[in-house]
Each structure stands twice: as structure tokens, then as C-alpha cells.
Amino acid sequence: MRKQCARPGCSAAATATFTFDARQQTVWLDAPAEGAARAGELCERHVRSLTAPRGWFVSDRRHRAQDFEHLLDAHTPMLSRAFQSAGTV
């Protein structure tokens, strides 16, 4: 099931999942994945307008999932499951 953006009043489809760590002062953006740890989902419009607190870093890791897609085919089912379990894709 496709998730919707978590911003109030927005019903657009989520294109990113965000998590954060206050100790590391980092917000991570990942491709949405079922069962993955997350603080919430955002649509592309709200991802573009996302600002982290002063001194924090935003790390957009959504492109990393695309980098590994070629590894996830029928010839490598164990590797595919490992990447999916790790939340990489």
C-alpha cells in the first residue's frame, strides 16, 4: 500500500521516508520501504522544502536504492533479500 505524505493537509504520495538522530544531528531521507524504521513520510514537494534545525545535516540517501537495483534480479535472490532487510532498497 502506497503511503501518503505526513504533512497535515497533504494527500500526495510519499516519495521519501525520514529518520533522525539528535545525537548525530542528522536527518536521513530514504526511499519508502515497508517495515523500515521511520519517523514519517514526505512527498517530493515537502522533501524539497525540508529544513533541518540549525547545525544539523540532511542526508538524502534515496539515490542509493537506485544504485543497487541492478543487483536485485532473479539471479541473486539472497543478495536481494539482504539489501531489502537492511533497508537499503
PDB file of N, CA and C in Angstrom:
ATOM      1  N   MET A   1       0.837  -1.182   0.000  1.00  0.00           N
ATOM      2  CA  MET A   1       0.000   0.000   0.000  1.00  0.00           C
ATOM      3  C   MET A   1       0.885   1.249   0.000  1.00  0.00           C
ATOM      4  N   ARG A   2       0.593   2.168  -0.869  1.00  0.00           N
ATOM      5  CA  ARG A   2       1.379   3.395  -1.004  1.00  0.00           C
ATOM      6  C   ARG A   2       1.033   4.357   0.123  1.00  0.00           C
ATOM      7  N   LYS A   3       2.054   4.904   0.754  1.00  0.00           N
ATOM      8  CA  LYS A   3       1.874   5.843   1.864  1.00  0.00           C
ATOM      9  C   LYS A   3       1.633   7.248   1.337  1.00  0.00           C
ATOM     10  N   GLN A   4       0.960   8.044   2.167  1.00  0.00           N
ATOM     11  CA  GLN A   4       0.739   9.448   1.848  1.00  0.00           C
ATOM     12  C   GLN A   4       1.691  10.305   2.659  1.00  0.00           C
ATOM     13  N   CYS A   5       1.888  11.511   2.199  1.00  0.00           N
ATOM     14  CA  CYS A   5       2.718  12.490   2.894  1.00  0.00           C
ATOM     15  C   CYS A   5       2.157  12.730   4.296  1.00  0.00           C
ATOM     16  N   ALA A   6       3.043  12.860   5.268  1.00  0.00           N
ATOM     17  CA  ALA A   6       2.638  13.054   6.659  1.00  0.00           C
ATOM     18  C   ALA A   6       2.296  14.503   6.996  1.00  0.00           C
ATOM     19  N   ARG A   7       2.582  15.428   6.098  1.00  0.00           N
ATOM     20  CA  ARG A   7       2.285  16.833   6.375  1.00  0.00           C
ATOM     21  C   ARG A   7       0.777  17.044   6.420  1.00  0.00           C
ATOM     22  N   PRO A   8       0.272  17.752   7.431  1.00  0.00           N
ATOM     23  CA  PRO A   8      -1.172  17.997   7.549  1.00  0.00           C
ATOM     24  C   PRO A   8      -1.732  18.665   6.289  1.00  0.00           C
ATOM     25  N   GLY A   9      -2.839  18.141   5.808  1.00  0.00           N
ATOM     26  CA  GLY A   9      -3.499  18.699   4.640  1.00  0.00           C
ATOM     27  C   GLY A   9      -2.938  18.252   3.312  1.00  0.00           C
ATOM     28  N   CYS A  10      -1.890  17.457   3.314  1.00  0.00           N
ATOM     29  CA  CYS A  10      -1.281  16.995   2.061  1.00  0.00           C
ATOM     30  C   CYS A  10      -1.666  15.531   1.836  1.00  0.00           C
ATOM     31  N   SER A  11      -2.200  15.242   0.680  1.00  0.00           N
ATOM     32  CA  SER A  11      -2.578  13.862   0.366  1.00  0.00           C
ATOM     33  C   SER A  11      -1.729  13.281  -0.764  1.00  0.00           C
ATOM     34  N   ALA A  12      -0.627  13.948  -1.091  1.00  0.00           N
ATOM     35  CA  ALA A  12       0.262  13.462  -2.153  1.00  0.00           C
ATOM     36  C   ALA A  12       0.962  12.176  -1.711  1.00  0.00           C
ATOM     37  N   ALA A  13       1.359  11.382  -2.683  1.00  0.00           N
ATOM     38  CA  ALA A  13       2.070  10.132  -2.399  1.00  0.00           C
ATOM     39  C   ALA A  13       3.452  10.431  -1.824  1.00  0.00           C
ATOM     40  N   ALA A  14       3.833   9.661  -0.827  1.00  0.00           N
ATOM     41  CA  ALA A  14       5.152   9.827  -0.206  1.00  0.00           C
ATOM     42  C   ALA A  14       6.242   9.352  -1.161  1.00  0.00           C
ATOM     43  N   THR A  15       7.301  10.137  -1.270  1.00  0.00           N
ATOM     44  CA  THR A  15       8.448   9.753  -2.101  1.00  0.00           C
ATOM     45  C   THR A  15       9.691   9.536  -1.256  1.00  0.00           C
ATOM     46  N   ALA A  16       9.593   9.840   0.042  1.00  0.00           N
ATOM     47  CA  ALA A  16      10.745   9.685   0.934  1.00  0.00           C
ATOM     48  C   ALA A  16      10.271   9.355   2.340  1.00  0.00           C
ATOM     49  N   THR A  17      11.080   8.589   3.020  1.00  0.00           N
ATOM     50  CA  THR A  17      10.896   8.296   4.433  1.00  0.00           C
ATOM     51  C   THR A  17      12.000   9.031   5.168  1.00  0.00           C
ATOM     52  N   PHE A  18      11.665   9.652   6.306  1.00  0.00           N
ATOM     53  CA  PHE A  18      12.728  10.325   7.044  1.00  0.00           C
ATOM     54  C   PHE A  18      12.887   9.736   8.435  1.00  0.00           C
ATOM     55  N   THR A  19      14.132   9.692   8.872  1.00  0.00           N
ATOM     56  CA  THR A  19      14.502   9.312  10.232  1.00  0.00           C
ATOM     57  C   THR A  19      15.525  10.328  10.703  1.00  0.00           C
ATOM     58  N   PHE A  20      15.760  10.361  11.999  1.00  0.00           N
ATOM     59  CA  PHE A  20      16.737  11.326  12.504  1.00  0.00           C
ATOM     60  C   PHE A  20      17.398  10.815  13.772  1.00  0.00           C
ATOM     61  N   ASP A  21      18.543  11.401  14.087  1.00  0.00           N
ATOM     62  CA  ASP A  21      19.288  11.092  15.303  1.00  0.00           C
ATOM     63  C   ASP A  21      19.760  12.413  15.891  1.00  0.00           C
ATOM     64  N   ALA A  22      19.220  12.768  17.046  1.00  0.00           N
ATOM     65  CA  ALA A  22      19.554  14.046  17.673  1.00  0.00           C
ATOM     66  C   ALA A  22      21.023  14.104  18.099  1.00  0.00           C
ATOM     67  N   ARG A  23      21.579  12.979  18.541  1.00  0.00           N
ATOM     68  CA  ARG A  23      22.990  12.992  18.959  1.00  0.00           C
ATOM     69  C   ARG A  23      23.916  13.280  17.786  1.00  0.00           C
ATOM     70  N   GLN A  24      23.583  12.723  16.628  1.00  0.00           N
ATOM     71  CA  GLN A  24      24.400  12.955  15.433  1.00  0.00           C
ATOM     72  C   GLN A  24      23.964  14.202  14.676  1.00  0.00           C
ATOM     73  N   GLN A  25      22.877  14.799  15.106  1.00  0.00           N
ATOM     74  CA  GLN A  25      22.308  15.984  14.457  1.00  0.00           C
ATOM     75  C   GLN A  25      22.157  15.760  12.952  1.00  0.00           C
ATOM     76  N   THR A  26      21.526  14.638  12.618  1.00  0.00           N
ATOM     77  CA  THR A  26      21.365  14.256  11.221  1.00  0.00           C
ATOM     78  C   THR A  26      19.939  13.803  10.947  1.00  0.00           C
ATOM     79  N   VAL A  27      19.424  14.206   9.795  1.00  0.00           N
ATOM     80  CA  VAL A  27      18.144  13.727   9.273  1.00  0.00           C
ATOM     81  C   VAL A  27      18.467  12.942   8.011  1.00  0.00           C
ATOM     82  N   TRP A  28      17.953  11.710   7.910  1.00  0.00           N
ATOM     83  CA  TRP A  28      18.181  10.881   6.732  1.00  0.00           C
ATOM     84  C   TRP A  28      16.901  10.774   5.929  1.00  0.00           C
ATOM     85  N   LEU A  29      17.024  10.901   4.626  1.00  0.00           N
ATOM     86  CA  LEU A  29      15.921  10.677   3.695  1.00  0.00           C
ATOM     87  C   LEU A  29      16.224   9.404   2.925  1.00  0.00           C
ATOM     88  N   ASP A  30      15.277   8.470   2.955  1.00  0.00           N
ATOM     89  CA  ASP A  30      15.435   7.200   2.252  1.00  0.00           C
ATOM     90  C   ASP A  30      14.218   6.950   1.379  1.00  0.00           C
ATOM     91  N   ALA A  31      14.352   6.029   0.433  1.00  0.00           N
ATOM     92  CA  ALA A  31      13.205   5.603  -0.365  1.00  0.00           C
ATOM     93  C   ALA A  31      12.236   4.874   0.562  1.00  0.00           C
ATOM     94  N   PRO A  32      10.939   5.083   0.392  1.00  0.00           N
ATOM     95  CA  PRO A  32       9.974   4.386   1.249  1.00  0.00           C
ATOM     96  C   PRO A  32      10.132   2.876   1.135  1.00  0.00           C
ATOM     97  N   ALA A  33      10.060   2.191   2.272  1.00  0.00           N
ATOM     98  CA  ALA A  33      10.161   0.732   2.293  1.00  0.00           C
ATOM     99  C   ALA A  33       9.243   0.201   3.381  1.00  0.00           C
ATOM    100  N   GLU A  34       8.520  -0.845   3.072  1.00  0.00           N
ATOM    101  CA  GLU A  34       7.630  -1.453   4.054  1.00  0.00           C
ATOM    102  C   GLU A  34       8.428  -2.012   5.225  1.00  0.00           C
ATOM    103  N   GLY A  35       7.978  -1.734   6.417  1.00  0.00           N
ATOM    104  CA  GLY A  35       8.600  -2.280   7.608  1.00  0.00           C
ATOM    105  C   GLY A  35       9.873  -1.590   8.055  1.00  0.00           C
ATOM    106  N   ALA A  36      10.339  -0.612   7.309  1.00  0.00           N
ATOM    107  CA  ALA A  36      11.576   0.083   7.678  1.00  0.00           C
ATOM    108  C   ALA A  36      11.302   1.076   8.809  1.00  0.00           C
ATOM    109  N   ALA A  37      12.292   1.292   9.650  1.00  0.00           N
ATOM    110  CA  ALA A  37      12.167   2.284  10.717  1.00  0.00           C
ATOM    111  C   ALA A  37      12.016   3.662  10.088  1.00  0.00           C
ATOM    112  N   ARG A  38      11.153   4.475  10.673  1.00  0.00           N
ATOM    113  CA  ARG A  38      10.937   5.805  10.113  1.00  0.00           C
ATOM    114  C   ARG A  38      10.276   6.707  11.141  1.00  0.00           C
ATOM    115  N   ALA A  39      10.464   8.000  10.945  1.00  0.00           N
ATOM    116  CA  ALA A  39       9.755   8.991  11.746  1.00  0.00           C
ATOM    117  C   ALA A  39       8.518   9.446  10.986  1.00  0.00           C
ATOM    118  N   GLY A  40       8.579   9.372   9.648  1.00  0.00           N
ATOM    119  CA  GLY A  40       7.441   9.755   8.826  1.00  0.00           C
ATOM    120  C   GLY A  40       7.781   9.718   7.357  1.00  0.00           C
ATOM    121  N   GLU A  41       6.772  10.020   6.537  1.00  0.00           N
ATOM    122  CA  GLU A  41       6.939  10.046   5.093  1.00  0.00           C
ATOM    123  C   GLU A  41       6.625  11.442   4.576  1.00  0.00           C
ATOM    124  N   LEU A  42       7.279  11.801   3.486  1.00  0.00           N
ATOM    125  CA  LEU A  42       7.048  13.102   2.861  1.00  0.00           C
ATOM    126  C   LEU A  42       6.918  12.943   1.353  1.00  0.00           C
ATOM    127  N   CYS A  43       6.102  13.805   0.742  1.00  0.00           N
ATOM    128  CA  CYS A  43       6.009  13.856  -0.714  1.00  0.00           C
ATOM    129  C   CYS A  43       7.202  14.665  -1.239  1.00  0.00           C
ATOM    130  N   GLU A  44       7.386  14.670  -2.545  1.00  0.00           N
ATOM    131  CA  GLU A  44       8.542  15.359  -3.127  1.00  0.00           C
ATOM    132  C   GLU A  44       8.516  16.859  -2.845  1.00  0.00           C
ATOM    133  N   ARG A  45       7.343  17.459  -2.883  1.00  0.00           N
ATOM    134  CA  ARG A  45       7.248  18.908  -2.612  1.00  0.00           C
ATOM    135  C   ARG A  45       7.726  19.223  -1.198  1.00  0.00           C
ATOM    136  N   HIS A  46       7.323  18.409  -0.222  1.00  0.00           N
ATOM    137  CA  HIS A  46       7.727  18.676   1.152  1.00  0.00           C
ATOM    138  C   HIS A  46       9.173  18.256   1.429  1.00  0.00           C
ATOM    139  N   VAL A  47       9.691  17.293   0.674  1.00  0.00           N
ATOM    140  CA  VAL A  47      11.117  16.962   0.788  1.00  0.00           C
ATOM    141  C   VAL A  47      11.948  18.162   0.352  1.00  0.00           C
ATOM    142  N   ARG A  48      11.555  18.785  -0.772  1.00  0.00           N
ATOM    143  CA  ARG A  48      12.309  19.939  -1.279  1.00  0.00           C
ATOM    144  C   ARG A  48      12.275  21.119  -0.311  1.00  0.00           C
ATOM    145  N   SER A  49      11.212  21.235   0.470  1.00  0.00           N
ATOM    146  CA  SER A  49      11.117  22.367   1.400  1.00  0.00           C
ATOM    147  C   SER A  49      11.588  22.011   2.814  1.00  0.00           C
ATOM    148  N   LEU A  50      12.057  20.782   3.011  1.00  0.00           N
ATOM    149  CA  LEU A  50      12.517  20.343   4.329  1.00  0.00           C
ATOM    150  C   LEU A  50      13.763  21.110   4.761  1.00  0.00           C
ATOM    151  N   THR A  51      13.729  21.638   5.958  1.00  0.00           N
ATOM    152  CA  THR A  51      14.918  22.263   6.543  1.00  0.00           C
ATOM    153  C   THR A  51      15.142  21.649   7.914  1.00  0.00           C
ATOM    154  N   ALA A  52      16.359  21.288   8.177  1.00  0.00           N
ATOM    155  CA  ALA A  52      16.720  20.717   9.474  1.00  0.00           C
ATOM    156  C   ALA A  52      17.063  21.851  10.433  1.00  0.00           C
ATOM    157  N   PRO A  53      17.049  21.570  11.730  1.00  0.00           N
ATOM    158  CA  PRO A  53      17.447  22.600  12.694  1.00  0.00           C
ATOM    159  C   PRO A  53      18.870  23.099  12.420  1.00  0.00           C
ATOM    160  N   ARG A  54      19.146  24.296  12.857  1.00  0.00           N
ATOM    161  CA  ARG A  54      20.481  24.886  12.671  1.00  0.00           C
ATOM    162  C   ARG A  54      21.548  23.950  13.241  1.00  0.00           C
ATOM    163  N   GLY A  55      22.580  23.720  12.448  1.00  0.00           N
ATOM    164  CA  GLY A  55      23.674  22.849  12.877  1.00  0.00           C
ATOM    165  C   GLY A  55      23.466  21.384  12.515  1.00  0.00           C
ATOM    166  N   TRP A  56      22.289  21.036  12.010  1.00  0.00           N
ATOM    167  CA  TRP A  56      22.001  19.665  11.618  1.00  0.00           C
ATOM    168  C   TRP A  56      22.338  19.460  10.149  1.00  0.00           C
ATOM    169  N   PHE A  57      22.511  18.198   9.767  1.00  0.00           N
ATOM    170  CA  PHE A  57      22.839  17.813   8.403  1.00  0.00           C
ATOM    171  C   PHE A  57      21.695  16.969   7.841  1.00  0.00           C
ATOM    172  N   VAL A  58      21.304  17.205   6.599  1.00  0.00           N
ATOM    173  CA  VAL A  58      20.300  16.382   5.918  1.00  0.00           C
ATOM    174  C   VAL A  58      21.029  15.503   4.907  1.00  0.00           C
ATOM    175  N   SER A  59      20.854  14.199   5.030  1.00  0.00           N
ATOM    176  CA  SER A  59      21.493  13.239   4.128  1.00  0.00           C
ATOM    177  C   SER A  59      20.419  12.554   3.289  1.00  0.00           C
ATOM    178  N   ASP A  60      20.375  12.870   2.000  1.00  0.00           N
ATOM    179  CA  ASP A  60      19.401  12.268   1.089  1.00  0.00           C
ATOM    180  C   ASP A  60      20.010  11.005   0.496  1.00  0.00           C
ATOM    181  N   ARG A  61      19.557   9.861   0.985  1.00  0.00           N
ATOM    182  CA  ARG A  61      20.105   8.575   0.548  1.00  0.00           C
ATOM    183  C   ARG A  61      19.192   7.858  -0.439  1.00  0.00           C
ATOM    184  N   ARG A  62      18.177   8.550  -0.953  1.00  0.00           N
ATOM    185  CA  ARG A  62      17.227   7.893  -1.856  1.00  0.00           C
ATOM    186  C   ARG A  62      17.894   7.375  -3.118  1.00  0.00           C
ATOM    187  N   HIS A  63      18.893   8.051  -3.628  1.00  0.00           N
ATOM    188  CA  HIS A  63      19.568   7.608  -4.855  1.00  0.00           C
ATOM    189  C   HIS A  63      20.321   6.302  -4.649  1.00  0.00           C
ATOM    190  N   ARG A  64      20.688   5.989  -3.416  1.00  0.00           N
ATOM    191  CA  ARG A  64      21.443   4.760  -3.147  1.00  0.00           C
ATOM    192  C   ARG A  64      20.639   3.528  -3.519  1.00  0.00           C
ATOM    193  N   ALA A  65      19.325   3.567  -3.319  1.00  0.00           N
ATOM    194  CA  ALA A  65      18.487   2.424  -3.681  1.00  0.00           C
ATOM    195  C   ALA A  65      18.566   2.170  -5.178  1.00  0.00           C
ATOM    196  N   GLN A  66      18.577   3.223  -5.978  1.00  0.00           N
ATOM    197  CA  GLN A  66      18.670   3.067  -7.429  1.00  0.00           C
ATOM    198  C   GLN A  66      20.029   2.505  -7.828  1.00  0.00           C
ATOM    199  N   ASP A  67      21.065   2.851  -7.090  1.00  0.00           N
ATOM    200  CA  ASP A  67      22.403   2.357  -7.400  1.00  0.00           C
ATOM    201  C   ASP A  67      22.495   0.838  -7.273  1.00  0.00           C
ATOM    202  N   PHE A  68      21.654   0.248  -6.403  1.00  0.00           N
ATOM    203  CA  PHE A  68      21.725  -1.186  -6.148  1.00  0.00           C
ATOM    204  C   PHE A  68      20.664  -1.990  -6.893  1.00  0.00           C
ATOM    205  N   GLU A  69      19.759  -1.328  -7.615  1.00  0.00           N
ATOM    206  CA  GLU A  69      18.676  -2.049  -8.283  1.00  0.00           C
ATOM    207  C   GLU A  69      19.182  -3.107  -9.245  1.00  0.00           C
ATOM    208  N   HIS A  70      20.292  -2.860  -9.919  1.00  0.00           N
ATOM    209  CA  HIS A  70      20.804  -3.841 -10.879  1.00  0.00           C
ATOM    210  C   HIS A  70      21.237  -5.135 -10.193  1.00  0.00           C
ATOM    211  N   LEU A  71      21.474  -5.094  -8.890  1.00  0.00           N
ATOM    212  CA  LEU A  71      21.871  -6.293  -8.153  1.00  0.00           C
ATOM    213  C   LEU A  71      20.676  -7.149  -7.762  1.00  0.00           C
ATOM    214  N   LEU A  72      19.485  -6.569  -7.837  1.00  0.00           N
ATOM    215  CA  LEU A  72      18.303  -7.246  -7.331  1.00  0.00           C
ATOM    216  C   LEU A  72      17.522  -7.905  -8.462  1.00  0.00           C
ATOM    217  N   ASP A  73      18.042  -8.984  -8.960  1.00  0.00           N
ATOM    218  CA  ASP A  73      17.335  -9.702 -10.008  1.00  0.00           C
ATOM    219  C   ASP A  73      17.170 -11.158  -9.598  1.00  0.00           C
ATOM    220  N   ALA A  74      16.594 -11.940 -10.461  1.00  0.00           N
ATOM    221  CA  ALA A  74      16.304 -13.340 -10.150  1.00  0.00           C
ATOM    222  C   ALA A  74      17.561 -14.166  -9.930  1.00  0.00           C
ATOM    223  N   HIS A  75      18.703 -13.692 -10.387  1.00  0.00           N
ATOM    224  CA  HIS A  75      19.940 -14.458 -10.252  1.00  0.00           C
ATOM    225  C   HIS A  75      20.589 -14.285  -8.881  1.00  0.00           C
ATOM    226  N   THR A  76      20.130 -13.315  -8.123  1.00  0.00           N
ATOM    227  CA  THR A  76      20.743 -13.052  -6.819  1.00  0.00           C
ATOM    228  C   THR A  76      19.683 -12.900  -5.727  1.00  0.00           C
ATOM    229  N   PRO A  77      18.841 -13.914  -5.507  1.00  0.00           N
ATOM    230  CA  PRO A  77      17.764 -13.760  -4.523  1.00  0.00           C
ATOM    231  C   PRO A  77      18.259 -13.541  -3.098  1.00  0.00           C
ATOM    232  N   MET A  78      19.358 -14.180  -2.703  1.00  0.00           N
ATOM    233  CA  MET A  78      19.859 -13.986  -1.339  1.00  0.00           C
ATOM    234  C   MET A  78      20.393 -12.569  -1.157  1.00  0.00           C
ATOM    235  N   LEU A  79      21.100 -12.058  -2.151  1.00  0.00           N
ATOM    236  CA  LEU A  79      21.609 -10.697  -2.090  1.00  0.00           C
ATOM    237  C   LEU A  79      20.452  -9.704  -2.068  1.00  0.00           C
ATOM    238  N   SER A  80      19.445  -9.980  -2.859  1.00  0.00           N
ATOM    239  CA  SER A  80      18.266  -9.122  -2.900  1.00  0.00           C
ATOM    240  C   SER A  80      17.622  -9.045  -1.519  1.00  0.00           C
ATOM    241  N   ARG A  81      17.424 -10.187  -0.868  1.00  0.00           N
ATOM    242  CA  ARG A  81      16.820 -10.201   0.475  1.00  0.00           C
ATOM    243  C   ARG A  81      17.698  -9.476   1.479  1.00  0.00           C
ATOM    244  N   ALA A  82      19.000  -9.608   1.364  1.00  0.00           N
ATOM    245  CA  ALA A  82      19.910  -8.935   2.300  1.00  0.00           C
ATOM    246  C   ALA A  82      19.787  -7.423   2.186  1.00  0.00           C
ATOM    247  N   PHE A  83      19.756  -6.902   0.961  1.00  0.00           N
ATOM    248  CA  PHE A  83      19.604  -5.459   0.774  1.00  0.00           C
ATOM    249  C   PHE A  83      18.250  -4.988   1.282  1.00  0.00           C
ATOM    250  N   GLN A  84      17.198  -5.756   1.003  1.00  0.00           N
ATOM    251  CA  GLN A  84      15.868  -5.362   1.442  1.00  0.00           C
ATOM    252  C   GLN A  84      15.765  -5.399   2.958  1.00  0.00           C
ATOM    253  N   SER A  85      16.355  -6.393   3.610  1.00  0.00           N
ATOM    254  CA  SER A  85      16.332  -6.485   5.072  1.00  0.00           C
ATOM    255  C   SER A  85      17.067  -5.323   5.711  1.00  0.00           C
ATOM    256  N   ALA A  86      18.133  -4.900   5.074  1.00  0.00           N
ATOM    257  CA  ALA A  86      18.931  -3.803   5.621  1.00  0.00           C
ATOM    258  C   ALA A  86      18.278  -2.455   5.380  1.00  0.00           C
ATOM    259  N   GLY A  87      17.195  -2.438   4.604  1.00  0.00           N
ATOM    260  CA  GLY A  87      16.525  -1.178   4.315  1.00  0.00           C
ATOM    261  C   GLY A  87      17.233  -0.342   3.273  1.00  0.00           C
ATOM    262  N   THR A  88      18.179  -0.939   2.572  1.00  0.00           N
ATOM    263  CA  THR A  88      18.918  -0.212   1.544  1.00  0.00           C
ATOM    264  C   THR A  88      18.046   0.036   0.329  1.00  0.00           C
ATOM    265  N   VAL A  89      17.158  -0.900   0.028  1.00  0.00           N
ATOM    266  CA  VAL A  89      16.240  -0.736  -1.109  1.00  0.00           C
ATOM    267  C   VAL A  89      14.839  -1.071  -0.687  1.00  0.00           C
TER     268      VAL A  89
END
